[in-house]
Protein backbone atom coordinates (compact mmCIF):
# COMPACT_ATOMS: atom_id res chain seq x y z
CA MET A 1 18.99 23.59 -7.78
CA THR A 2 20.52 26.68 -6.59
CA ASP A 3 20.02 25.26 -2.81
CA SER A 4 19.68 21.81 -1.05
CA THR A 5 17.16 22.47 0.76
CA PHE A 6 13.56 21.45 -0.72
CA ALA A 7 9.48 21.66 0.39
CA ALA A 8 7.12 20.26 -0.78
CA VAL A 9 3.77 21.77 -1.44
CA VAL A 10 0.69 18.98 -2.07
CA MET A 11 -2.46 21.13 -3.56
CA ALA A 12 -5.82 19.80 -2.21
CA GLY A 13 -7.83 23.13 -1.84
CA GLY A 14 -10.46 22.12 -4.63
CA LEU A 15 -14.14 20.58 -4.25
CA GLY A 16 -13.68 17.98 -6.55
CA THR A 17 -17.33 18.64 -7.67
CA ARG A 18 -17.40 15.43 -9.79
CA MET A 19 -17.17 13.13 -6.99
CA ASN A 20 -20.72 14.43 -6.62
CA SER A 21 -20.28 14.54 -2.99
CA SER A 22 -20.34 16.09 0.47
CA VAL A 23 -16.91 14.49 0.90
CA PRO A 24 -14.16 16.70 -0.49
CA LYS A 25 -12.32 14.78 -3.09
CA HIS A 26 -9.13 14.59 -1.24
CA LEU A 27 -10.32 13.03 1.48
CA HIS A 28 -12.29 10.53 0.05
CA PRO A 29 -11.12 7.05 1.77
CA ILE A 30 -8.70 4.25 -0.66
CA LEU A 31 -7.45 1.52 1.79
CA GLY A 32 -7.82 2.88 5.26
CA ARG A 33 -5.94 6.30 3.97
CA ARG A 34 -7.45 9.41 2.74
CA MET A 35 -6.95 9.86 -0.81
CA VAL A 36 -4.28 12.83 0.27
CA ASP A 37 -2.31 10.79 2.90
CA TRP A 38 -1.48 8.48 -0.50
CA VAL A 39 0.44 11.48 -1.67
CA LEU A 40 1.87 12.49 1.81
CA GLU A 41 2.85 8.98 2.25
CA ALA A 42 4.82 9.13 -1.17
CA ALA A 43 6.89 12.91 -0.27
CA ARG A 44 7.66 11.81 3.40
CA PRO A 45 10.41 9.54 2.63
CA LEU A 46 11.80 12.24 0.25
CA ALA A 47 12.16 14.30 4.04
CA PRO A 48 11.19 17.06 2.48
CA SER A 49 11.21 20.69 4.85
CA PRO A 50 8.85 20.99 4.78
CA LEU A 51 5.55 19.11 3.41
CA VAL A 52 2.46 21.57 3.26
CA VAL A 53 -1.06 20.74 2.30
CA VAL A 54 -3.26 23.52 0.66
CA ALA A 55 -6.55 23.32 1.60
CA SER A 56 -9.61 25.00 1.24
CA PRO A 57 -11.57 26.39 4.58
CA ASP A 58 -13.50 24.32 5.24
CA SER A 59 -10.90 21.21 5.14
CA ARG A 60 -7.84 23.22 7.12
CA ASP A 61 -8.39 21.02 10.23
CA ALA A 62 -8.73 17.32 8.44
CA PHE A 63 -4.78 18.05 8.96
CA ASP A 64 -2.70 17.36 12.16
CA ASP A 65 0.04 16.18 11.46
CA VAL A 66 1.39 18.18 8.77
CA PRO A 67 1.60 22.48 8.40
CA VAL A 68 -1.69 23.72 6.61
CA ALA A 69 -1.96 26.73 3.67
CA VAL A 70 -5.29 27.77 3.66
CA GLN A 71 -6.66 28.47 -0.04
CA GLU A 72 -9.52 31.39 0.37
CA ARG A 73 -10.96 30.53 -3.06
CA PRO A 74 -10.58 27.53 -5.19
CA LEU A 75 -9.08 29.66 -8.13
CA GLY A 76 -6.43 27.26 -9.60
CA THR A 77 -3.22 25.68 -9.13
CA GLY A 78 -1.03 29.25 -9.80
CA ASP A 79 -2.88 30.39 -6.53
CA ALA A 80 -2.74 27.25 -4.42
CA VAL A 81 1.24 27.35 -4.77
CA ARG A 82 0.51 31.25 -4.08
CA SER A 83 -0.97 30.39 -0.69
CA ALA A 84 1.40 28.17 0.56
CA ARG A 85 4.70 30.54 -0.33
CA ASP A 86 4.87 31.75 3.38
CA ALA A 87 4.91 27.95 4.90
CA VAL A 88 7.61 27.16 2.24
CA ASP A 89 10.08 30.59 3.06
CA GLY A 90 13.76 29.79 2.36
CA ALA A 91 13.38 26.31 0.43
CA GLY A 92 15.49 26.35 -2.52
CA SER A 93 13.31 24.51 -4.61
CA LEU A 94 9.61 23.52 -4.75
CA LEU A 95 8.23 20.34 -5.01
CA VAL A 96 4.35 20.79 -6.58
CA LEU A 97 1.98 17.43 -5.68
CA SER A 98 -1.19 16.55 -6.67
CA GLY A 99 -3.77 15.53 -3.88
CA ASP A 100 -5.98 13.78 -6.29
CA ALA A 101 -3.06 11.12 -7.52
CA PRO A 102 -3.24 9.00 -5.16
CA LEU A 103 -0.62 6.77 -6.90
CA LEU A 104 2.58 8.49 -6.80
CA THR A 105 5.65 6.55 -5.72
CA SER A 106 8.20 7.65 -3.70
CA ASP A 107 10.86 6.28 -6.09
CA LEU A 108 9.63 7.93 -8.65
CA LEU A 109 9.33 11.67 -6.55
CA ALA A 110 12.89 10.59 -6.49
CA ARG A 111 13.91 10.50 -9.55
CA LEU A 112 11.88 13.71 -10.46
CA LEU A 113 14.11 15.81 -8.37
CA GLU A 114 17.25 13.72 -9.84
CA THR A 115 16.41 14.89 -12.91
CA HIS A 116 15.78 18.12 -11.75
CA ARG A 117 19.12 18.46 -10.00
CA HIS A 118 20.80 16.94 -13.47
CA GLU A 119 19.18 19.32 -15.53
CA ARG A 120 20.26 21.98 -13.48
CA ALA A 121 17.04 23.54 -14.93
CA ALA A 122 14.26 26.25 -13.26
CA ALA A 123 11.42 23.75 -13.41
CA THR A 124 11.09 19.90 -14.35
CA VAL A 125 7.47 18.84 -15.41
CA LEU A 126 6.67 15.06 -14.78
CA THR A 127 5.20 14.06 -17.89
CA PHE A 128 3.53 10.46 -18.70
CA GLU A 129 2.13 9.11 -22.09
CA PRO A 130 -1.67 7.23 -20.87
CA ALA A 131 -2.99 5.27 -23.42
CA GLU A 132 -5.43 8.19 -24.25
CA PRO A 133 -4.41 11.37 -23.78
CA GLY A 134 -7.72 12.48 -24.97
CA ALA A 135 -7.72 16.09 -22.60
CA TYR A 136 -4.21 15.85 -20.85
CA GLY A 137 -2.18 19.19 -21.93
CA ARG A 138 0.88 18.12 -24.26
CA VAL A 139 4.72 18.66 -23.95
CA LEU A 140 6.46 19.81 -26.64
CA ARG A 141 9.55 19.85 -26.79
CA GLY A 142 12.80 21.29 -28.30
CA ASP A 143 15.65 20.06 -30.08
CA ASP A 144 17.64 19.65 -27.06
CA GLY A 145 14.98 17.69 -25.26
CA ALA A 146 14.18 21.06 -22.72
CA VAL A 147 10.15 21.92 -22.64
CA ALA A 148 9.21 24.53 -25.20
CA ALA A 149 5.30 24.20 -23.73
CA ILE A 150 2.72 23.25 -22.68
CA VAL A 151 -0.56 22.82 -24.38
CA GLU A 152 -3.99 22.54 -23.31
CA ALA A 153 -5.90 20.15 -25.59
CA ALA A 154 -8.13 22.69 -26.13
CA ASP A 155 -5.86 24.65 -27.82
CA ALA A 156 -3.26 22.68 -29.65
CA THR A 157 -3.58 22.20 -33.17
CA PRO A 158 -4.36 18.72 -34.85
CA GLN A 159 -0.28 18.28 -35.22
CA GLN A 160 0.35 18.78 -31.14
CA LEU A 161 -2.74 16.68 -30.71
CA GLU A 162 -0.60 13.55 -32.28
CA VAL A 163 1.89 14.03 -29.45
CA ARG A 164 1.67 11.48 -26.29
CA GLU A 165 3.27 13.13 -24.26
CA CYS A 166 1.26 14.43 -21.15
CA ASN A 167 1.40 16.73 -17.93
CA SER A 168 1.28 15.41 -14.45
CA SER A 169 0.31 18.90 -13.08
CA ILE A 170 3.28 17.34 -10.77
CA TYR A 171 6.12 19.65 -10.78
CA VAL A 172 9.94 21.25 -8.91
CA PHE A 173 10.19 24.62 -9.01
CA GLU A 174 13.76 26.68 -8.62
CA THR A 175 11.71 28.95 -5.97
CA GLU A 176 13.58 31.82 -7.00
CA ARG A 177 12.18 31.90 -10.75
CA LEU A 178 9.62 30.48 -9.64
CA TRP A 179 7.92 33.46 -7.00
CA PRO A 180 8.85 36.11 -9.61
CA ALA A 181 6.78 34.23 -12.36
CA VAL A 182 3.65 33.41 -10.30
CA ASP A 183 3.87 37.53 -9.00
CA ALA A 184 3.06 38.08 -13.20
CA LEU A 185 -0.07 35.34 -13.17
CA ARG A 186 -3.10 36.97 -14.54
CA PRO A 187 -6.01 35.04 -15.00
CA HIS A 188 -6.42 35.18 -18.92
CA ASN A 189 -9.01 32.68 -19.12
CA ALA A 190 -13.43 32.70 -18.48
CA GLN A 191 -12.61 30.94 -14.95
CA GLY A 192 -10.64 33.87 -13.72
CA GLU A 193 -8.19 30.98 -12.65
CA LEU A 194 -3.84 31.23 -12.41
CA TYR A 195 -2.49 27.90 -13.35
CA LEU A 196 0.96 26.38 -13.44
CA THR A 197 1.19 25.76 -16.87
CA ASP A 198 1.44 29.74 -17.28
CA VAL A 199 4.22 30.19 -14.95
CA VAL A 200 6.02 27.32 -16.88
CA ARG A 201 5.26 29.26 -20.23
CA ASP A 202 6.80 32.35 -18.75
CA LEU A 203 10.22 30.39 -17.87
CA VAL A 204 10.24 28.88 -21.24
CA GLY A 205 9.65 32.46 -22.59
CA ARG A 206 12.19 34.57 -20.56
CA GLY A 207 14.98 31.62 -21.52
CA ASP A 208 15.43 29.61 -18.41
CA ARG A 209 15.72 25.88 -18.90
CA VAL A 210 12.70 23.86 -18.15
CA ALA A 211 13.41 19.82 -17.64
CA ALA A 212 10.98 16.69 -18.14
CA HIS A 213 10.99 13.14 -16.53
CA ALA A 214 8.71 11.11 -18.16
CA ALA A 215 7.27 8.49 -15.98
CA VAL A 216 7.86 4.65 -16.29
CA ASP A 217 4.44 3.59 -15.27
CA PRO A 218 1.73 6.88 -16.56
CA ARG A 219 -0.41 4.83 -13.91
CA GLU A 220 1.19 6.82 -11.07
CA THR A 221 0.36 9.82 -12.54
CA ALA A 222 -3.27 9.08 -12.49
CA GLY A 223 -5.32 11.47 -11.03
CA VAL A 224 -9.04 11.44 -9.64
CA ASN A 225 -12.04 12.85 -10.55
CA THR A 226 -14.95 10.39 -10.66
CA ARG A 227 -15.76 7.69 -7.82
CA ALA A 228 -15.30 5.58 -11.05
CA GLU A 229 -11.55 7.06 -10.97
CA LEU A 230 -11.71 6.22 -7.16
CA ALA A 231 -11.98 2.58 -7.73
CA ALA A 232 -9.63 2.00 -10.41
CA ALA A 233 -7.25 3.93 -8.26
CA SER A 234 -7.96 1.65 -4.98
CA ALA A 235 -8.16 -1.44 -7.30
CA ALA A 236 -4.39 -0.28 -7.87
CA LEU A 237 -3.07 0.16 -5.01
CA ARG A 238 -5.04 -3.53 -4.04
CA ASP A 239 -2.85 -4.53 -6.13
CA ARG A 240 0.83 -3.30 -5.72
CA ILE A 241 0.54 -4.01 -1.73
CA ASN A 242 -1.02 -7.57 -2.89
CA LEU A 243 1.99 -8.18 -4.62
CA GLY A 244 4.11 -6.91 -2.12
CA HIS A 245 3.29 -9.10 0.14
CA MET A 246 3.60 -11.98 -2.14
CA LEU A 247 7.11 -11.25 -3.27
CA ALA A 248 7.57 -11.15 0.89
CA GLY A 249 5.93 -14.85 0.88
CA VAL A 250 2.66 -14.33 1.81
CA THR A 251 0.16 -16.65 -0.03
CA ILE A 252 -2.91 -15.04 -1.42
CA VAL A 253 -5.33 -17.08 -2.62
CA ASP A 254 -7.25 -14.50 -5.03
CA PRO A 255 -5.56 -11.10 -4.72
CA ALA A 256 -8.29 -9.91 -6.94
CA THR A 257 -10.74 -9.79 -4.01
CA THR A 258 -8.54 -9.57 -1.74
CA TRP A 259 -8.20 -6.18 0.30
CA ILE A 260 -5.67 -5.73 2.40
CA ASP A 261 -4.72 -1.76 4.19
CA PRO A 262 -0.91 -0.83 4.13
CA THR A 263 -0.11 -0.45 7.78
CA VAL A 264 -1.48 -4.71 7.81
CA GLU A 265 1.46 -6.94 8.27
CA LEU A 266 1.77 -10.03 6.84
CA GLU A 267 4.60 -13.00 7.96
CA PRO A 268 5.95 -14.99 5.20
CA ASP A 269 3.63 -18.27 5.31
CA CYS A 270 0.45 -17.19 6.08
CA THR A 271 -2.04 -17.55 3.97
CA ILE A 272 -5.50 -15.24 2.83
CA HIS A 273 -7.73 -17.03 1.36
CA PRO A 274 -10.92 -15.19 -0.87
CA PHE A 275 -12.69 -11.98 -0.19
CA THR A 276 -10.97 -11.13 2.74
CA VAL A 277 -10.54 -7.59 4.18
CA LEU A 278 -7.13 -6.63 6.60
CA ARG A 279 -7.67 -3.60 8.14
CA GLY A 280 -5.38 -0.82 10.48
CA SER A 281 -3.08 -2.56 12.36
CA THR A 282 -3.68 -6.45 12.07
CA HIS A 283 -1.15 -8.56 12.46
CA ILE A 284 -0.72 -12.39 10.47
CA GLU A 285 1.33 -14.39 11.78
CA ALA A 286 3.39 -17.20 10.19
CA HIS A 287 1.26 -20.81 8.89
CA ALA A 288 -1.89 -18.89 9.99
CA GLU A 289 -4.87 -18.69 7.49
CA VAL A 290 -7.65 -16.15 7.09
CA GLY A 291 -10.68 -16.51 5.40
CA PRO A 292 -12.34 -16.62 3.04
CA HIS A 293 -14.75 -13.59 3.91
CA ALA A 294 -13.56 -13.01 7.09
CA VAL A 295 -12.76 -8.79 8.17
CA ALA A 296 -10.11 -8.30 10.80
CA ILE A 297 -9.29 -5.08 11.86
CA ASP A 298 -6.67 -4.00 14.50
CA ALA A 299 -6.51 -7.93 15.04
CA ARG A 300 -3.99 -9.99 15.78
CA VAL A 301 -3.69 -13.72 14.91
CA GLY A 302 -1.26 -15.86 15.77
CA ALA A 303 0.92 -18.46 14.49
CA GLY A 304 -0.87 -21.40 13.09
CA ALA A 305 -4.40 -19.76 13.51
CA THR A 306 -7.49 -20.31 11.73
CA VAL A 307 -9.93 -17.69 11.12
CA GLY A 308 -13.54 -17.81 9.31
CA PRO A 309 -14.94 -18.65 6.84
CA PHE A 310 -17.30 -15.60 7.62
CA CYS A 311 -15.09 -14.27 10.92
CA TYR A 312 -15.58 -10.81 11.76
CA LEU A 313 -12.42 -9.71 14.10
CA ARG A 314 -12.67 -6.59 15.46
CA PRO A 315 -10.36 -4.33 17.17
CA GLY A 316 -8.19 -5.34 20.17
CA THR A 317 -8.73 -9.16 18.87
CA VAL A 318 -6.33 -11.21 19.59
CA LEU A 319 -5.45 -14.69 18.79
CA GLY A 320 -3.05 -17.84 19.99
CA ALA A 321 -1.09 -19.61 18.25
CA GLY A 322 -2.65 -22.71 16.95
CA SER A 323 -6.56 -20.77 18.18
CA LYS A 324 -9.64 -20.52 16.25
CA ALA A 325 -12.13 -18.48 15.42
CA GLY A 326 -14.40 -20.01 12.86
CA THR A 327 -17.40 -20.04 10.88
CA PHE A 328 -19.77 -16.58 12.17
CA VAL A 329 -17.89 -15.47 14.83
CA GLU A 330 -17.22 -12.42 15.84
CA LEU A 331 -14.62 -11.52 18.55
CA LYS A 332 -14.38 -7.98 19.73
CA LYS A 333 -11.55 -6.59 22.29
CA ALA A 334 -10.95 -10.28 23.46
CA LEU A 335 -7.62 -12.55 24.34
CA ILE A 336 -8.14 -15.85 23.15
CA GLY A 337 -5.60 -18.53 24.70
CA ALA A 338 -2.91 -20.57 22.38
CA GLY A 339 -5.27 -23.70 21.19
CA THR A 340 -8.68 -22.55 22.41
CA LYS A 341 -11.34 -22.56 19.85
CA VAL A 342 -14.63 -20.84 18.95
CA PRO A 343 -15.67 -22.93 16.20
CA HIS A 344 -18.43 -21.46 15.19
CA LEU A 345 -21.66 -18.94 15.32
CA SER A 346 -20.84 -16.90 18.86
CA TYR A 347 -19.52 -13.70 20.02
CA ILE A 348 -16.98 -12.88 22.54
CA GLY A 349 -16.42 -9.46 23.06
CA ASP A 350 -14.58 -7.98 26.32
CA ALA A 351 -13.55 -11.32 27.48
CA GLU A 352 -10.02 -13.27 27.87
CA ILE A 353 -10.33 -16.75 27.54
CA GLY A 354 -7.20 -19.25 28.88
CA GLU A 355 -5.49 -22.03 26.12
CA GLY A 356 -7.11 -24.91 24.98
CA THR A 357 -10.69 -23.94 26.09
CA ASN A 358 -12.95 -25.08 23.53
CA ILE A 359 -16.13 -22.84 23.26
CA GLY A 360 -19.39 -24.40 21.69
CA ALA A 361 -21.85 -22.90 19.00
CA GLY A 362 -24.02 -20.16 19.82
CA THR A 363 -21.92 -18.94 22.72
CA ILE A 364 -22.87 -14.68 23.68
CA THR A 365 -20.57 -12.49 26.94
CA ALA A 366 -23.80 -10.76 27.56
CA ASN A 367 -21.60 -7.68 28.51
CA PHE A 368 -23.76 -4.61 27.99
CA PRO A 369 -23.60 -1.98 30.77
CA HIS A 370 -26.16 -2.35 33.83
CA ARG A 371 -26.38 1.28 33.98
CA ALA A 372 -25.73 4.13 32.03
CA GLY A 373 -21.96 5.58 32.12
CA GLU A 374 -20.72 2.32 33.55
CA GLU A 375 -18.32 0.33 31.41
CA LYS A 376 -18.60 -2.94 29.94
CA GLY A 377 -18.09 -5.81 31.99
CA LYS A 378 -15.18 -8.39 31.39
CA THR A 379 -16.00 -12.54 31.25
CA THR A 380 -12.99 -14.19 32.02
CA ILE A 381 -12.53 -17.89 31.30
CA GLY A 382 -9.40 -20.42 32.38
CA ASP A 383 -7.84 -22.88 31.02
CA ASN A 384 -9.35 -26.45 29.25
CA VAL A 385 -12.82 -25.18 29.74
CA ARG A 386 -15.45 -27.12 28.14
CA VAL A 387 -18.57 -24.58 27.26
CA GLY A 388 -21.64 -26.10 26.57
CA VAL A 389 -23.76 -24.80 23.01
CA ASP A 390 -25.82 -21.83 24.04
CA THR A 391 -24.34 -20.44 26.89
CA VAL A 392 -24.70 -16.75 27.83
CA PHE A 393 -21.89 -15.19 30.07
CA VAL A 394 -23.53 -12.69 32.10
CA ALA A 395 -20.54 -10.19 32.25
CA PRO A 396 -18.53 -9.16 35.01
CA VAL A 397 -17.95 -13.30 35.55
CA THR A 398 -15.44 -15.38 35.59
CA VAL A 399 -15.11 -18.76 35.12
CA GLY A 400 -12.16 -21.47 36.68
CA ASP A 401 -9.41 -23.75 34.42
CA ASP A 402 -11.85 -26.98 33.77
CA ALA A 403 -14.54 -26.01 34.62
CA TRP A 404 -17.29 -26.90 32.30
CA THR A 405 -21.53 -24.97 31.26
CA ALA A 406 -24.34 -27.03 30.83
CA ALA A 407 -25.96 -26.37 27.21
CA GLY A 408 -28.37 -23.57 27.32
CA ALA A 409 -26.55 -22.49 30.69
CA VAL A 410 -27.21 -18.68 31.56
CA VAL A 411 -24.08 -17.69 33.85
CA THR A 412 -24.22 -15.20 36.16
CA ASP A 413 -22.32 -16.15 39.08
CA ASP A 414 -18.52 -17.02 39.33
CA VAL A 415 -17.96 -20.65 38.26
CA PRO A 416 -15.16 -22.42 40.76
CA ALA A 417 -12.27 -24.51 38.79
CA ASN A 418 -13.07 -27.97 38.04
CA ALA A 419 -16.90 -27.20 38.76
CA LEU A 420 -19.80 -27.82 36.30
CA ALA A 421 -22.13 -24.87 35.85
CA GLY A 422 -26.12 -24.66 34.29
CA PHE A 423 -28.96 -27.27 34.63
CA PRO A 424 -31.13 -25.00 32.69
CA PRO A 425 -35.08 -26.09 33.67
CA LYS A 426 -36.30 -29.15 31.37
CA GLN A 427 -38.50 -29.06 29.06
CA VAL A 428 -41.96 -28.29 29.64
CA ASN A 429 -44.66 -29.36 27.17
CA LYS A 430 -48.38 -27.71 27.30
CA GLU A 431 -50.94 -29.67 25.41
CA GLY A 432 -52.78 -27.21 22.69
CA ARG A 433 -51.22 -24.01 23.10
CA GLY A 434 -49.11 -23.86 20.25
CA GLY A 435 -50.13 -20.25 18.35
CA LYS A 436 -51.17 -18.66 21.63
CA ARG A 437 -49.70 -15.34 22.58
CA ASN A 438 -48.96 -13.42 25.74
CA ASP A 439 -48.71 -17.04 27.55
């Protein structure tokens, strides 16, 4: 490398027509991130300066934390890199990444850069050996181990097709060698596109050294072009995340059915049961149990708490130590105190519940605004409260410590501490009126 500085470009300007989607390929979600964000997160720890995304005009506004270079038309990888030329001006080397390779890791990219430095190459190609080389371009090496050519499968001879080392379309270039070669590119193909493989060919033709770094795990370089490949990449990332948590001391009963975003924090000795989904900034503390069939989004589950089965924790939910959110319970923006139980069939939203309280089955906080423009009302329930089954709290309302509500109560006014509230009307039987409507 002629300079210790390097920039990185993530190519994300393609339309991804094989996805059959109105959403650009690189913006499809995978475990809480867009596909291209996984590539960006792999590059960021390497501290490229700058890190630039090449985007289409339609998706130029999809990035607010990284510089964007616009590729006006999808004219190939060579044109994509050319579109970022001004944005990376001054960098000694350029790492070129594909925005549809979400399985890339920082370690692999660091090793690629190290090979490039060690080989003092004009360019270095990241290669891999897939189980089925198929339509991938073959990397042909010379006697000295350097890259002699990259041959597209359609143009390869039968002997060349026997080569298993393939091009990942991920490169490092010395910019003083790259830009003249890019300027010399011509669209010698039916698509009228400019390809970086032609840059590699031209560098070799000039006598420049082009090195190769072979990925140990070929899955890390896998690109996504179809919905089927998107699902496969999602599963691979799921497995990678779950393995990391298990090695750190988390019990995941069935990793194949457990989906955890990379931003979720799990403390050692918590247990995640099958068919559980943990998303966003969710944090599960030690000795808590979540699931089966639970979903938590931007929630916190305290030490020793239990969640589920079939429980939904929405953003803003905090469960205190030893608390419980049971079967078919939904919590939203709810603070649940230590030891408090919401055992089953209840909705608690925009609420704060103290410690040691028990919420009876079928309890609902009716917190919808009474008038347009009003904020949702808040329900506040104190410590050691006993809430009878089928209680409705019409917010805003406050229930004092040690209070009780009768079964079927509709609580519209504040309840003092140590009081018993409710007493709905007693049952009335009307003989012979069964089946009559509109009474």
